[in-house]
N, C-alpha and C. Protein backbone atom coordinates (compact mmCIF):
# COMPACT_ATOMS: atom_id res chain seq x y z
N MET A 1 78.07 106.06 103.41
CA MET A 1 78.17 106.57 104.56
C MET A 1 78.60 105.70 105.96
N PRO A 2 79.57 106.44 106.56
CA PRO A 2 80.28 105.88 107.49
C PRO A 2 79.53 105.77 108.46
N LEU A 3 79.43 104.86 109.48
CA LEU A 3 78.90 104.67 111.17
C LEU A 3 79.19 105.91 111.65
N PRO A 4 78.29 106.15 112.52
CA PRO A 4 78.37 107.40 113.28
C PRO A 4 79.58 107.69 114.15
N ALA A 5 80.25 108.56 114.34
CA ALA A 5 81.58 108.87 115.14
C ALA A 5 81.57 108.22 116.41
N ASP A 6 80.32 108.54 117.11
CA ASP A 6 80.72 107.67 118.30
C ASP A 6 80.91 106.28 118.52
N ASN A 7 80.48 105.44 117.38
CA ASN A 7 80.57 103.92 117.45
C ASN A 7 82.19 103.77 116.70
N HIS A 8 83.08 104.81 116.27
CA HIS A 8 84.38 104.33 116.19
C HIS A 8 85.34 104.40 117.67
N PRO A 9 86.37 103.49 117.35
CA PRO A 9 87.03 103.48 118.66
C PRO A 9 88.11 104.25 118.86
N SER A 10 88.52 104.25 119.91
CA SER A 10 89.74 105.39 119.90
C SER A 10 90.95 104.90 119.51
N LEU A 11 91.91 105.76 119.40
CA LEU A 11 93.36 105.49 118.49
C LEU A 11 93.90 104.38 119.87
N LEU A 12 93.71 104.85 120.93
CA LEU A 12 94.42 103.63 122.15
C LEU A 12 93.71 102.51 121.66
N ARG A 13 92.78 102.20 121.83
CA ARG A 13 92.10 101.04 121.66
C ARG A 13 92.32 100.08 120.14
N ARG A 14 92.29 100.87 118.80
CA ARG A 14 93.01 100.36 118.02
C ARG A 14 94.31 99.83 118.05
N LEU A 15 95.19 100.50 118.65
CA LEU A 15 96.58 100.13 118.87
C LEU A 15 96.79 99.08 120.13
N ALA A 16 95.91 99.27 120.93
CA ALA A 16 96.06 97.55 121.64
C ALA A 16 95.73 96.59 120.82
N ALA A 17 94.55 96.51 120.08
CA ALA A 17 94.36 95.31 119.25
C ALA A 17 95.36 94.76 118.47
N VAL A 18 96.20 96.27 117.57
CA VAL A 18 97.41 95.92 116.58
C VAL A 18 98.40 95.16 117.42
N LEU A 19 98.48 95.77 118.79
CA LEU A 19 99.30 95.01 119.31
C LEU A 19 99.54 93.37 119.52
N TYR A 20 97.97 93.46 120.12
CA TYR A 20 97.65 91.86 120.48
C TYR A 20 97.94 91.02 119.09
N ASP A 21 97.14 91.54 118.14
CA ASP A 21 97.73 90.79 116.77
C ASP A 21 99.21 90.81 116.04
N GLY A 22 99.78 91.79 116.49
CA GLY A 22 101.21 91.87 116.29
C GLY A 22 102.12 90.59 116.92
N LEU A 23 101.60 90.50 118.12
CA LEU A 23 102.07 89.48 118.74
C LEU A 23 101.81 87.85 118.51
N LEU A 24 100.55 87.99 117.72
CA LEU A 24 99.77 86.63 117.03
C LEU A 24 100.81 86.29 115.65
N LEU A 25 100.92 87.59 115.41
CA LEU A 25 101.47 87.55 113.58
C LEU A 25 102.82 87.07 113.94
N ILE A 26 103.40 87.66 114.71
CA ILE A 26 105.04 87.02 114.84
C ILE A 26 105.20 85.47 115.38
N ALA A 27 104.31 85.07 116.06
CA ALA A 27 104.29 83.53 116.24
C ALA A 27 103.71 82.93 114.86
N LEU A 28 102.81 83.30 114.27
CA LEU A 28 102.62 82.82 112.96
C LEU A 28 103.93 83.01 112.01
N TRP A 29 104.37 84.07 111.98
CA TRP A 29 105.75 84.37 111.32
C TRP A 29 106.63 83.14 111.87
N MET A 30 106.86 82.75 112.94
CA MET A 30 107.95 82.02 113.11
C MET A 30 107.65 80.57 112.61
N GLY A 31 106.49 80.21 112.73
CA GLY A 31 105.97 78.99 112.32
C GLY A 31 106.17 78.67 110.94
N ALA A 32 105.73 79.88 110.03
CA ALA A 32 106.00 80.10 108.52
C ALA A 32 107.41 79.82 108.29
N GLY A 33 108.08 80.53 109.05
CA GLY A 33 109.87 80.53 109.02
C GLY A 33 110.21 79.23 109.00
N ALA A 34 109.81 78.68 110.21
CA ALA A 34 110.14 77.09 110.15
C ALA A 34 110.11 75.93 108.92
N LEU A 35 108.76 76.34 108.42
CA LEU A 35 108.29 75.44 107.23
C LEU A 35 108.97 76.12 106.04
N TRP A 36 109.42 77.50 105.86
CA TRP A 36 110.35 77.85 104.77
C TRP A 36 111.76 77.03 105.10
N ILE A 37 112.19 77.02 106.20
CA ILE A 37 113.54 76.51 106.43
C ILE A 37 113.41 75.00 106.24
N ALA A 38 112.33 74.19 106.56
CA ALA A 38 112.19 72.72 106.32
C ALA A 38 112.14 72.48 105.02
N PHE A 39 111.70 73.43 103.81
CA PHE A 39 111.31 73.21 102.31
C PHE A 39 112.86 73.63 101.67
N GLN A 40 113.53 74.25 102.42
CA GLN A 40 114.70 75.02 101.97
C GLN A 40 115.87 73.70 102.32
N GLY A 41 115.76 72.84 102.89
CA GLY A 41 116.56 71.80 103.04
C GLY A 41 117.47 71.97 104.67
N GLY A 42 117.03 72.78 105.27
CA GLY A 42 117.62 73.21 106.49
C GLY A 42 118.09 74.66 106.15
N GLU A 43 118.00 75.13 105.56
CA GLU A 43 118.92 76.51 105.01
C GLU A 43 117.92 77.66 105.42
N ALA A 44 117.95 78.91 106.07
CA ALA A 44 117.57 79.90 106.26
C ALA A 44 117.71 80.85 105.35
N ALA A 45 116.74 81.70 105.05
CA ALA A 45 116.54 82.55 103.59
C ALA A 45 117.50 83.58 104.14
N PRO A 46 118.51 83.84 103.07
CA PRO A 46 119.45 85.08 103.31
C PRO A 46 118.70 86.60 103.43
N ALA A 47 119.61 87.26 104.39
CA ALA A 47 119.09 88.53 104.58
C ALA A 47 118.44 89.47 103.32
N GLY A 48 117.15 90.06 103.49
CA GLY A 48 116.72 90.91 102.41
C GLY A 48 116.48 89.92 101.25
N ASP A 49 115.83 88.64 101.64
CA ASP A 49 115.55 87.73 100.21
C ASP A 49 114.09 88.14 100.03
N GLY A 50 113.84 88.73 98.97
CA GLY A 50 112.59 89.04 98.50
C GLY A 50 111.35 88.46 98.36
N LEU A 51 111.73 86.98 98.13
CA LEU A 51 110.99 86.03 97.61
C LEU A 51 110.02 85.81 99.41
N PHE A 52 111.19 85.66 100.41
CA PHE A 52 110.78 85.24 101.66
C PHE A 52 110.29 86.10 102.24
N ARG A 53 110.22 87.75 101.95
CA ARG A 53 109.66 88.79 102.57
C ARG A 53 108.04 88.65 101.61
N VAL A 54 108.05 88.39 100.61
CA VAL A 54 106.49 87.78 99.88
C VAL A 54 106.06 87.19 100.50
N TYR A 55 106.70 85.93 100.98
CA TYR A 55 106.04 84.94 101.49
C TYR A 55 105.42 85.33 102.99
N LEU A 56 106.23 85.84 103.82
CA LEU A 56 105.70 86.64 104.85
C LEU A 56 104.37 87.55 105.00
N LEU A 57 104.38 88.36 103.85
CA LEU A 57 103.32 89.21 103.66
C LEU A 57 102.27 88.39 103.10
N ALA A 58 102.33 87.33 102.62
CA ALA A 58 101.31 86.36 102.16
C ALA A 58 100.84 85.72 103.50
N VAL A 59 101.60 85.52 104.26
CA VAL A 59 101.05 85.00 105.64
C VAL A 59 100.13 85.95 106.51
N ALA A 60 100.60 87.12 106.59
CA ALA A 60 99.96 88.37 106.97
C ALA A 60 98.79 88.90 106.36
N TYR A 61 98.61 88.75 105.03
CA TYR A 61 97.42 88.72 104.17
C TYR A 61 96.19 87.53 104.65
N ALA A 62 96.69 86.03 104.71
CA ALA A 62 95.78 85.30 104.91
C ALA A 62 95.44 85.73 106.18
N PHE A 63 96.13 85.89 107.19
CA PHE A 63 95.58 86.13 108.63
C PHE A 63 94.75 87.09 108.79
N PHE A 64 95.00 88.10 108.06
CA PHE A 64 93.95 89.66 108.23
C PHE A 64 92.67 88.99 107.40
N ILE A 65 92.87 88.89 106.24
CA ILE A 65 91.70 88.64 105.43
C ILE A 65 90.84 87.81 105.76
N GLY A 66 91.70 86.42 106.45
CA GLY A 66 90.36 85.42 106.92
C GLY A 66 89.72 85.82 107.92
N PHE A 67 90.44 86.40 108.86
CA PHE A 67 89.78 86.75 110.25
C PHE A 67 88.84 88.09 110.03
N TRP A 68 89.37 88.93 109.17
CA TRP A 68 88.21 90.14 108.83
C TRP A 68 87.05 89.47 107.97
N VAL A 69 87.19 88.83 106.73
CA VAL A 69 85.74 88.27 106.04
C VAL A 69 85.28 87.00 106.43
N TRP A 70 85.80 86.33 107.56
CA TRP A 70 84.92 85.18 108.00
C TRP A 70 84.22 85.51 109.62
N GLY A 71 85.15 86.51 110.22
CA GLY A 71 84.42 86.68 111.45
C GLY A 71 84.19 88.14 111.67
N GLY A 72 84.79 88.98 110.93
CA GLY A 72 84.90 90.27 111.08
C GLY A 72 85.73 91.22 112.13
N ASN A 73 86.46 90.03 112.79
CA ASN A 73 87.47 90.72 113.58
C ASN A 73 88.54 89.59 113.76
N THR A 74 89.72 90.15 114.14
CA THR A 74 90.77 89.30 114.55
C THR A 74 90.89 88.98 115.86
N LEU A 75 91.72 88.35 116.64
CA LEU A 75 91.55 87.67 117.95
C LEU A 75 91.73 89.14 118.75
N GLY A 76 92.79 89.89 118.06
CA GLY A 76 92.94 91.08 118.79
C GLY A 76 92.14 92.03 119.13
N MET A 77 91.14 92.44 117.97
CA MET A 77 90.10 93.09 117.81
C MET A 77 88.78 92.54 118.73
N LYS A 78 88.85 91.15 118.63
CA LYS A 78 87.92 90.61 119.31
C LYS A 78 88.16 90.89 121.09
N ALA A 79 89.26 91.14 121.34
CA ALA A 79 89.47 91.35 122.90
C ALA A 79 89.26 92.86 123.20
N TRP A 80 89.20 93.53 122.25
CA TRP A 80 89.05 94.94 122.35
C TRP A 80 87.82 95.54 121.95
N ARG A 81 86.69 94.53 121.52
CA ARG A 81 85.61 94.69 121.05
C ARG A 81 85.10 95.64 119.82
N LEU A 82 86.34 95.18 118.96
CA LEU A 82 86.31 95.69 117.82
C LEU A 82 85.60 94.86 116.17
N ARG A 83 85.01 95.58 115.49
CA ARG A 83 84.18 94.66 114.41
C ARG A 83 84.74 95.41 113.41
N LEU A 84 85.12 94.58 112.26
CA LEU A 84 85.35 95.58 111.08
C LEU A 84 84.20 95.57 109.98
N VAL A 85 83.71 96.43 109.56
CA VAL A 85 82.31 96.42 109.16
C VAL A 85 82.38 97.19 107.59
N ASP A 86 81.57 97.27 106.65
CA ASP A 86 81.68 97.98 105.45
C ASP A 86 80.67 99.47 105.85
N ALA A 87 80.56 100.28 104.70
CA ALA A 87 79.80 101.29 104.87
C ALA A 87 78.34 101.28 105.48
N ASP A 88 77.99 100.55 104.99
CA ASP A 88 76.61 100.21 105.58
C ASP A 88 76.63 99.40 106.67
N GLY A 89 77.75 98.95 107.50
CA GLY A 89 77.62 97.95 108.70
C GLY A 89 77.55 96.89 108.67
N ALA A 90 77.55 96.35 107.38
CA ALA A 90 77.56 94.58 107.13
C ALA A 90 79.04 94.33 107.06
N ARG A 91 79.28 92.96 106.82
CA ARG A 91 80.37 92.32 106.88
C ARG A 91 81.19 92.64 105.58
N VAL A 92 82.42 92.71 105.78
CA VAL A 92 83.07 93.08 104.48
C VAL A 92 83.47 91.98 103.37
N THR A 93 83.85 92.09 102.42
CA THR A 93 84.01 91.56 100.99
C THR A 93 85.46 91.00 100.96
N THR A 94 85.98 90.10 100.38
CA THR A 94 87.45 90.03 100.40
C THR A 94 87.96 91.14 99.50
N ARG A 95 87.55 91.79 98.78
CA ARG A 95 87.72 92.70 98.14
C ARG A 95 87.90 93.95 98.96
N ALA A 96 87.19 94.30 99.70
CA ALA A 96 87.07 95.24 100.63
C ALA A 96 88.38 95.25 101.52
N ALA A 97 88.38 93.91 102.23
CA ALA A 97 89.12 93.54 103.29
C ALA A 97 90.47 93.61 102.35
N THR A 98 90.81 93.18 101.44
CA THR A 98 92.15 93.26 100.57
C THR A 98 92.44 94.66 100.24
N HIS A 99 91.55 95.74 100.28
CA HIS A 99 91.56 97.10 100.12
C HIS A 99 92.31 97.44 101.45
N ARG A 100 91.62 97.14 102.20
CA ARG A 100 91.97 97.71 103.83
C ARG A 100 93.52 97.29 104.28
N PHE A 101 93.67 96.01 103.80
CA PHE A 101 95.02 95.36 104.24
C PHE A 101 95.90 96.34 103.67
N PHE A 102 96.07 96.54 102.18
CA PHE A 102 97.32 97.25 101.58
C PHE A 102 97.02 98.73 102.01
N THR A 103 96.01 99.34 102.17
CA THR A 103 95.81 100.92 102.84
C THR A 103 96.61 100.76 104.28
N ALA A 104 96.16 100.22 105.03
CA ALA A 104 96.60 99.99 106.12
C ALA A 104 98.42 100.06 106.33
N ILE A 105 98.74 99.52 105.51
CA ILE A 105 100.23 99.16 105.08
C ILE A 105 100.91 100.60 105.07
N LEU A 106 100.10 101.24 103.97
CA LEU A 106 100.35 102.77 103.67
C LEU A 106 100.41 103.63 104.80
N SER A 107 99.27 103.30 105.55
CA SER A 107 99.09 104.10 106.76
C SER A 107 100.36 104.11 107.87
N TRP A 108 100.88 102.65 107.69
CA TRP A 108 101.92 102.67 108.77
C TRP A 108 103.57 103.10 108.03
N LEU A 109 103.48 103.30 106.65
CA LEU A 109 104.62 103.71 106.24
C LEU A 109 105.61 104.96 106.28
N PRO A 110 104.60 106.04 106.64
CA PRO A 110 104.95 107.35 106.94
C PRO A 110 105.08 107.55 108.41
N ALA A 111 105.59 106.46 109.10
CA ALA A 111 105.64 106.84 110.79
C ALA A 111 104.31 106.55 111.36
N GLY A 112 103.55 105.90 111.00
CA GLY A 112 102.22 105.41 111.46
C GLY A 112 101.25 106.88 111.26
N LEU A 113 101.66 107.73 110.66
CA LEU A 113 100.84 108.99 110.12
C LEU A 113 99.40 108.60 109.90
N GLY A 114 99.30 107.75 109.04
CA GLY A 114 97.86 107.40 108.62
C GLY A 114 96.94 106.90 109.93
N PHE A 115 97.75 106.19 110.81
CA PHE A 115 96.93 106.05 112.16
C PHE A 115 96.60 107.06 113.26
N LEU A 116 97.72 108.01 113.39
CA LEU A 116 97.79 108.95 113.92
C LEU A 116 96.59 110.10 113.81
N TRP A 117 96.39 109.97 112.15
CA TRP A 117 95.44 110.80 111.66
C TRP A 117 94.17 110.91 112.20
N ALA A 118 93.94 109.77 113.03
CA ALA A 118 92.19 109.54 113.86
C ALA A 118 92.50 110.65 114.75
N LEU A 119 93.30 111.34 115.52
CA LEU A 119 93.54 112.04 116.61
C LEU A 119 93.02 113.44 115.81
N ILE A 120 93.14 113.67 114.67
CA ILE A 120 92.37 115.01 114.39
C ILE A 120 91.17 114.83 113.28
N ASP A 121 90.83 113.60 112.85
CA ASP A 121 89.68 113.51 111.64
C ASP A 121 88.52 113.74 112.66
N ARG A 122 87.63 114.07 112.31
CA ARG A 122 86.25 114.66 112.94
C ARG A 122 85.71 113.45 113.41
N GLN A 123 85.65 112.43 112.70
CA GLN A 123 85.02 111.23 113.23
C GLN A 123 86.04 110.26 113.54
N GLY A 124 87.20 110.54 113.86
CA GLY A 124 88.37 109.38 114.49
C GLY A 124 88.72 108.52 113.35
N LEU A 125 88.83 108.46 112.42
CA LEU A 125 89.09 107.74 111.23
C LEU A 125 90.46 107.91 110.96
N THR A 126 91.26 106.46 110.40
CA THR A 126 92.33 106.43 110.03
C THR A 126 92.46 106.64 108.34
N TRP A 127 93.44 106.77 107.65
CA TRP A 127 93.54 106.78 106.30
C TRP A 127 93.08 105.32 105.80
N HIS A 128 93.51 104.36 106.22
CA HIS A 128 92.70 103.21 105.40
C HIS A 128 91.61 102.95 105.97
N ASP A 129 90.80 103.66 106.75
CA ASP A 129 89.20 103.35 107.05
C ASP A 129 88.58 103.97 106.07
N ARG A 130 89.53 105.37 106.00
CA ARG A 130 88.90 106.13 104.59
C ARG A 130 88.90 105.89 103.35
N LEU A 131 90.05 105.03 102.96
CA LEU A 131 90.57 104.75 101.70
C LEU A 131 89.72 103.38 101.38
N SER A 132 89.72 102.90 102.40
CA SER A 132 88.94 101.49 101.85
C SER A 132 87.29 101.48 102.07
N LYS A 133 86.75 102.25 102.87
CA LYS A 133 85.47 102.32 103.20
C LYS A 133 85.18 101.34 103.66
N THR A 134 85.77 101.08 104.61
CA THR A 134 85.73 100.05 105.82
C THR A 134 85.93 100.40 107.17
N TYR A 135 84.99 100.05 108.27
CA TYR A 135 85.29 101.18 109.37
C TYR A 135 85.30 99.88 110.66
N LEU A 136 86.05 100.19 111.38
CA LEU A 136 85.81 99.81 112.89
C LEU A 136 84.78 100.01 113.45
N TYR A 137 83.94 99.09 113.92
CA TYR A 137 82.66 99.51 115.11
C TYR A 137 83.07 99.06 116.51
N LEU A 138 83.09 99.91 117.69
CA LEU A 138 83.03 99.53 118.60
C LEU A 138 81.61 98.93 119.31
N GLU A 139 81.76 97.53 119.39
CA GLU A 139 80.56 96.74 119.78
C GLU A 139 80.32 97.13 121.30
N PRO A 140 79.26 96.93 122.08
CA PRO A 140 78.59 97.37 123.30
C PRO A 140 79.26 96.11 124.22
N LYS A 141 79.30 96.51 125.47
CA LYS A 141 79.73 95.38 126.38
C LYS A 141 78.79 94.59 126.38
N ARG A 142 78.98 93.34 126.68
CA ARG A 142 78.42 92.19 127.17
C ARG A 142 77.67 92.21 128.34
N ARG A 143 76.65 92.00 129.08
CA ARG A 143 76.28 91.81 130.21
C ARG A 143 76.43 90.31 130.88
């Protein structure tokens, strides 16, 4: 059973965290790209290189899974007071975080429809919230 609907963040708050994390991920990808080039003898990956794309996906996976499993939130989520929890409100497992990572990709694929779903969902949940049975919790303000 998911957390009560009043604990779920708004779509705008979610997207703000995505923007923050997206900027961090771009910086990580730049560093990862520099490493790739160094190991390729100074040659950039050709356009559309499948192996390079898998490498960048692995970097994104490590970023999100690492933050979600060990801290409960990414830096962008922390800035917007969001925490990822399982259906019982506990810290997510690597398996649950992995499920969320790949279902979040599915939520983005049809022009972000899986995220926009939160606008019509009775509890304000996205597709990947429901599919992975992991939820974003809005933490109270600190005094």
